[in-house]
Amino acid sequence: MKSIKNRIEQTVMTTLFFLLLGLSGSVYCQEIVINQTFSSDTIISPFESGTTVYSIKVTGSITLISDSSLARIIVVDHAGNHFLLYEAYPLIDTANTFSFAAACDETCFLDGIYPDSIRIDIINALVSLDTLIYSRDEISNAEKLQAGEKAKIDSMKVKIMNRRIVEENMYWRAGKTNISNLAYQEKENLYTKKFNLEGFDYYIGGIYHRSSLHRLNPSPSNYVDFDWRNRHNSDIPPQNNNPSPYYNDNGVGWVTKKTYNQSGNTC
């Protein structure tokens, strides 16, 4: 009886092992535990020197604190090339706090790189990194596969963005553009490090405005009453011994009474 129980347990463990092996795709798939939360720009170096990798994915969670929040996770290789691992900002996410698993915007399929570090760019956000998963299995046609993956990710971003634009009653539309099609490295070269376009790279038409400005709620307390006619009391005629430089000796001032032209073609 005990032997049968042991064999059952062994069979279950073996099945689980091969199931996990099949999910990872290779014994060369490795996991790096991070378990850290970041609230400001940070660079970490979790990779072993000289490790060639063909795929990098990240699991974690993000909290976007404001309408202009940005969270971006970037892989930097030994040659200084930058690859977008994951990014989040209000227009491409449906919640302020959310989790993500095995995310890899530009790093799902790599043509063999030596990762040096992970750069985390943050604007009004919290980024929690749980694990990094990387593969050392060489991938054929990596460039073509990654182009297809980026196209799918961009399509998803556009879909969410247009839905958010409608929800926020904004007057522009998003779609794939020459700018959105650029690699992250090219965008960074064009807009400098830590750029925050708030979706403008996907703009295809309409009246664009940033969501962080659109959602400001005007309040009467933000406005000051102003009438150019009463600057320096210029609308108060001279009284007794208080002359006014804005009136002549006949009591005619630079601010005249309202009149109505009943006839004539004059303005």
Foldseek 3Di string as FASTA:
>chain_A
DVVVVVVVVVVVVVVVVVVVCVVQVHPQKDKDFDFDKDAAKDKFFRDDFPQKFFAKFFWWKKAAQAQQKKKWKWWAFPVGDIATQDMDHVLQDDDRIDIDGRGGLQGGGHQITHTGIMIIHIDRMMITTGMMITGSDHDPPRVVVSLVSNVVVQVSSQVSNQVVCVVLVHWFHFAADPQSSDGPRVNCVVQNPPDRPQRPNRTDDTDDDHPNVSPDDDDPVVDDDDDPCCVVHQVDFADDPRHDPQADPVRDGPDDDDDDDPDDDDD
